[in-house]
Amino acid sequence: MVSQFSYADERLWHVGYDFDFVDVGVPGLKFTFRYVSADYVDPTHMSGSEARELRARGARGNEWERYNEIAYVVQSGPLKNL
């Protein structure tokens, strides 16, 4: 993930899902999904026109991030566990 979601007073929630394809006959293949959403972000930690507008109004911002990963671990042979 790119964002740290660790600013003072920042509130966040996240949801995730993992699927191991061994259950459908493909050992070593895995899928991961994560979504994180945060609000009450201090605009001094943000950049761009939205941040300038929020600072001018004295308001707080928000951020979000989506993360997907598919990974495979070789099961046998000279590349096993790679």
N, C-alpha and C. Protein backbone atom coordinates (compact mmCIF):
# COMPACT_ATOMS: atom_id res chain seq x y z
N MET A 1 0.83 -1.17 0.00
CA MET A 1 0.00 0.00 0.00
C MET A 1 0.88 1.24 0.00
N VAL A 2 0.38 2.30 -0.58
CA VAL A 2 1.15 3.53 -0.72
C VAL A 2 0.95 4.45 0.48
N SER A 3 -0.27 4.66 0.89
CA SER A 3 -0.57 5.57 2.00
C SER A 3 -0.29 4.91 3.35
N GLN A 4 0.01 5.74 4.34
CA GLN A 4 0.26 5.22 5.67
C GLN A 4 -0.98 5.28 6.56
N PHE A 5 -1.90 6.19 6.28
CA PHE A 5 -3.12 6.33 7.06
C PHE A 5 -2.78 6.45 8.55
N SER A 6 -1.89 7.36 8.89
CA SER A 6 -1.44 7.47 10.28
C SER A 6 -1.37 8.91 10.78
N TYR A 7 -2.12 9.82 10.17
CA TYR A 7 -2.11 11.21 10.62
C TYR A 7 -2.89 11.35 11.92
N ALA A 8 -2.53 12.34 12.71
CA ALA A 8 -3.23 12.60 13.97
C ALA A 8 -4.71 12.84 13.71
N ASP A 9 -5.56 12.26 14.51
CA ASP A 9 -7.03 12.41 14.45
C ASP A 9 -7.67 11.78 13.21
N GLU A 10 -6.91 11.16 12.35
CA GLU A 10 -7.47 10.53 11.16
C GLU A 10 -8.29 9.30 11.57
N ARG A 11 -9.47 9.18 10.98
CA ARG A 11 -10.33 8.03 11.25
C ARG A 11 -10.38 7.18 9.99
N LEU A 12 -10.27 5.87 10.15
CA LEU A 12 -10.29 5.03 8.96
C LEU A 12 -11.00 3.71 9.21
N TRP A 13 -11.38 3.10 8.11
CA TRP A 13 -11.93 1.75 8.14
C TRP A 13 -11.36 1.03 6.93
N HIS A 14 -11.32 -0.27 7.03
CA HIS A 14 -10.82 -1.04 5.90
C HIS A 14 -11.52 -2.39 5.82
N VAL A 15 -11.57 -2.88 4.61
CA VAL A 15 -12.16 -4.18 4.36
C VAL A 15 -11.17 -4.96 3.48
N GLY A 16 -11.10 -6.25 3.72
CA GLY A 16 -10.18 -7.06 2.94
C GLY A 16 -10.76 -8.43 2.65
N TYR A 17 -10.21 -9.06 1.62
CA TYR A 17 -10.64 -10.40 1.24
C TYR A 17 -9.42 -11.14 0.71
N ASP A 18 -9.23 -12.36 1.15
CA ASP A 18 -8.16 -13.23 0.66
C ASP A 18 -8.79 -14.51 0.14
N PHE A 19 -8.25 -15.00 -0.97
CA PHE A 19 -8.73 -16.26 -1.52
C PHE A 19 -7.54 -17.13 -1.89
N ASP A 20 -7.52 -18.34 -1.37
CA ASP A 20 -6.47 -19.32 -1.67
C ASP A 20 -7.05 -20.29 -2.69
N PHE A 21 -6.46 -20.33 -3.88
CA PHE A 21 -6.99 -21.14 -4.97
C PHE A 21 -6.77 -22.64 -4.78
N VAL A 22 -6.13 -23.04 -3.70
CA VAL A 22 -5.96 -24.47 -3.43
C VAL A 22 -7.33 -25.14 -3.34
N ASP A 23 -8.33 -24.40 -2.89
CA ASP A 23 -9.68 -24.94 -2.77
C ASP A 23 -10.31 -25.29 -4.11
N VAL A 24 -9.80 -24.71 -5.20
CA VAL A 24 -10.33 -25.01 -6.54
C VAL A 24 -9.29 -25.74 -7.39
N GLY A 25 -8.27 -26.30 -6.74
CA GLY A 25 -7.30 -27.14 -7.44
C GLY A 25 -6.06 -26.46 -7.98
N VAL A 26 -5.76 -25.24 -7.53
CA VAL A 26 -4.56 -24.53 -8.00
C VAL A 26 -3.71 -24.15 -6.79
N PRO A 27 -2.97 -25.11 -6.23
CA PRO A 27 -2.15 -24.80 -5.06
C PRO A 27 -1.06 -23.79 -5.40
N GLY A 28 -0.80 -22.87 -4.47
CA GLY A 28 0.23 -21.86 -4.66
C GLY A 28 -0.29 -20.53 -5.17
N LEU A 29 -1.51 -20.50 -5.71
CA LEU A 29 -2.08 -19.26 -6.24
C LEU A 29 -2.96 -18.61 -5.18
N LYS A 30 -2.72 -17.32 -4.93
CA LYS A 30 -3.51 -16.59 -3.92
C LYS A 30 -3.89 -15.21 -4.45
N PHE A 31 -5.05 -14.75 -4.03
CA PHE A 31 -5.55 -13.43 -4.41
C PHE A 31 -5.85 -12.64 -3.13
N THR A 32 -5.46 -11.37 -3.11
CA THR A 32 -5.70 -10.49 -1.97
C THR A 32 -6.32 -9.19 -2.46
N PHE A 33 -7.33 -8.71 -1.75
CA PHE A 33 -7.96 -7.42 -2.03
C PHE A 33 -8.09 -6.65 -0.73
N ARG A 34 -7.75 -5.36 -0.75
CA ARG A 34 -7.91 -4.48 0.41
C ARG A 34 -8.44 -3.12 -0.08
N TYR A 35 -9.35 -2.56 0.71
CA TYR A 35 -9.84 -1.20 0.47
C TYR A 35 -9.78 -0.47 1.80
N VAL A 36 -9.16 0.71 1.78
CA VAL A 36 -9.04 1.53 2.99
C VAL A 36 -9.60 2.92 2.69
N SER A 37 -10.41 3.44 3.59
CA SER A 37 -10.98 4.77 3.45
C SER A 37 -10.77 5.52 4.76
N ALA A 38 -10.35 6.77 4.66
CA ALA A 38 -10.08 7.57 5.85
C ALA A 38 -10.69 8.96 5.69
N ASP A 39 -11.12 9.52 6.81
CA ASP A 39 -11.61 10.89 6.79
C ASP A 39 -10.99 11.65 7.95
N TYR A 40 -11.34 12.91 8.03
CA TYR A 40 -10.81 13.81 9.05
C TYR A 40 -9.29 13.97 8.92
N VAL A 41 -8.82 14.04 7.67
CA VAL A 41 -7.40 14.20 7.38
C VAL A 41 -7.06 15.69 7.39
N ASP A 42 -6.05 16.07 8.14
CA ASP A 42 -5.58 17.44 8.20
C ASP A 42 -5.05 17.84 6.82
N PRO A 43 -5.62 18.87 6.18
CA PRO A 43 -5.21 19.23 4.81
C PRO A 43 -3.78 19.73 4.69
N THR A 44 -3.10 20.01 5.81
CA THR A 44 -1.69 20.39 5.71
C THR A 44 -0.85 19.20 5.27
N HIS A 45 -1.39 17.99 5.35
CA HIS A 45 -0.69 16.79 4.90
C HIS A 45 -1.05 16.42 3.47
N MET A 46 -1.88 17.25 2.83
CA MET A 46 -2.34 16.98 1.48
C MET A 46 -1.74 18.00 0.52
N SER A 47 -1.81 17.70 -0.77
CA SER A 47 -1.32 18.65 -1.77
C SER A 47 -2.37 18.83 -2.85
N GLY A 48 -2.19 19.84 -3.67
CA GLY A 48 -3.09 20.08 -4.79
C GLY A 48 -4.17 21.11 -4.48
N SER A 49 -5.02 21.34 -5.46
CA SER A 49 -6.05 22.37 -5.35
C SER A 49 -7.09 22.03 -4.28
N GLU A 50 -7.42 20.75 -4.13
CA GLU A 50 -8.37 20.35 -3.10
C GLU A 50 -7.84 20.70 -1.71
N ALA A 51 -6.56 20.46 -1.48
CA ALA A 51 -5.95 20.77 -0.18
C ALA A 51 -5.98 22.27 0.09
N ARG A 52 -5.69 23.08 -0.93
CA ARG A 52 -5.74 24.54 -0.75
C ARG A 52 -7.14 25.00 -0.39
N GLU A 53 -8.14 24.43 -1.07
CA GLU A 53 -9.53 24.78 -0.79
C GLU A 53 -9.93 24.37 0.63
N LEU A 54 -9.55 23.19 1.05
CA LEU A 54 -9.87 22.72 2.40
C LEU A 54 -9.21 23.59 3.46
N ARG A 55 -7.95 23.95 3.24
CA ARG A 55 -7.24 24.82 4.19
C ARG A 55 -7.92 26.18 4.28
N ALA A 56 -8.35 26.72 3.15
CA ALA A 56 -9.02 28.03 3.13
C ALA A 56 -10.34 27.99 3.89
N ARG A 57 -11.05 26.88 3.82
CA ARG A 57 -12.32 26.74 4.52
C ARG A 57 -12.15 26.25 5.96
N GLY A 58 -10.95 25.81 6.32
CA GLY A 58 -10.72 25.25 7.65
C GLY A 58 -11.35 23.87 7.80
N ALA A 59 -11.48 23.16 6.69
CA ALA A 59 -12.13 21.86 6.69
C ALA A 59 -11.09 20.74 6.68
N ARG A 60 -11.56 19.52 6.86
CA ARG A 60 -10.71 18.33 6.81
C ARG A 60 -10.95 17.58 5.51
N GLY A 61 -9.99 16.77 5.12
CA GLY A 61 -10.10 16.01 3.88
C GLY A 61 -10.28 14.53 4.11
N ASN A 62 -10.17 13.78 3.02
CA ASN A 62 -10.25 12.33 3.12
C ASN A 62 -9.28 11.70 2.12
N GLU A 63 -9.00 10.43 2.31
CA GLU A 63 -8.16 9.69 1.39
C GLU A 63 -8.65 8.24 1.35
N TRP A 64 -8.30 7.55 0.28
CA TRP A 64 -8.68 6.15 0.16
C TRP A 64 -7.63 5.45 -0.68
N GLU A 65 -7.62 4.13 -0.57
CA GLU A 65 -6.69 3.34 -1.36
C GLU A 65 -7.27 1.96 -1.59
N ARG A 66 -7.03 1.45 -2.78
CA ARG A 66 -7.46 0.12 -3.16
C ARG A 66 -6.20 -0.68 -3.51
N TYR A 67 -6.14 -1.93 -3.07
CA TYR A 67 -4.96 -2.76 -3.27
C TYR A 67 -5.39 -4.15 -3.70
N ASN A 68 -4.85 -4.62 -4.81
CA ASN A 68 -5.11 -5.97 -5.30
C ASN A 68 -3.79 -6.66 -5.54
N GLU A 69 -3.73 -7.93 -5.23
CA GLU A 69 -2.51 -8.68 -5.48
C GLU A 69 -2.87 -10.12 -5.83
N ILE A 70 -2.18 -10.63 -6.82
CA ILE A 70 -2.30 -12.05 -7.13
C ILE A 70 -0.88 -12.59 -7.11
N ALA A 71 -0.69 -13.69 -6.40
CA ALA A 71 0.64 -14.24 -6.22
C ALA A 71 0.62 -15.75 -6.44
N TYR A 72 1.74 -16.24 -6.94
CA TYR A 72 1.88 -17.67 -7.14
C TYR A 72 3.22 -18.12 -6.59
N VAL A 73 3.22 -19.21 -5.84
CA VAL A 73 4.43 -19.83 -5.30
C VAL A 73 4.61 -21.16 -6.02
N VAL A 74 5.78 -21.33 -6.67
CA VAL A 74 6.07 -22.56 -7.40
C VAL A 74 6.07 -23.74 -6.42
N GLN A 75 5.39 -24.81 -6.79
CA GLN A 75 5.16 -25.92 -5.89
C GLN A 75 6.23 -27.00 -5.93
N SER A 76 6.95 -27.14 -7.06
CA SER A 76 7.95 -28.20 -7.15
C SER A 76 9.02 -27.82 -8.19
N GLY A 77 10.07 -28.62 -8.24
CA GLY A 77 11.14 -28.40 -9.20
C GLY A 77 12.22 -27.46 -8.64
N PRO A 78 13.16 -27.03 -9.50
CA PRO A 78 14.27 -26.22 -9.03
C PRO A 78 13.86 -24.83 -8.52
N LEU A 79 12.70 -24.36 -8.91
CA LEU A 79 12.23 -23.05 -8.46
C LEU A 79 11.21 -23.15 -7.31
N LYS A 80 11.15 -24.31 -6.68
CA LYS A 80 10.20 -24.52 -5.60
C LYS A 80 10.28 -23.41 -4.56
N ASN A 81 9.11 -22.93 -4.11
CA ASN A 81 8.93 -21.86 -3.12
C ASN A 81 9.31 -20.47 -3.60
N LEU A 82 9.58 -20.34 -4.90
CA LEU A 82 9.87 -19.01 -5.46
C LEU A 82 8.57 -18.31 -5.79
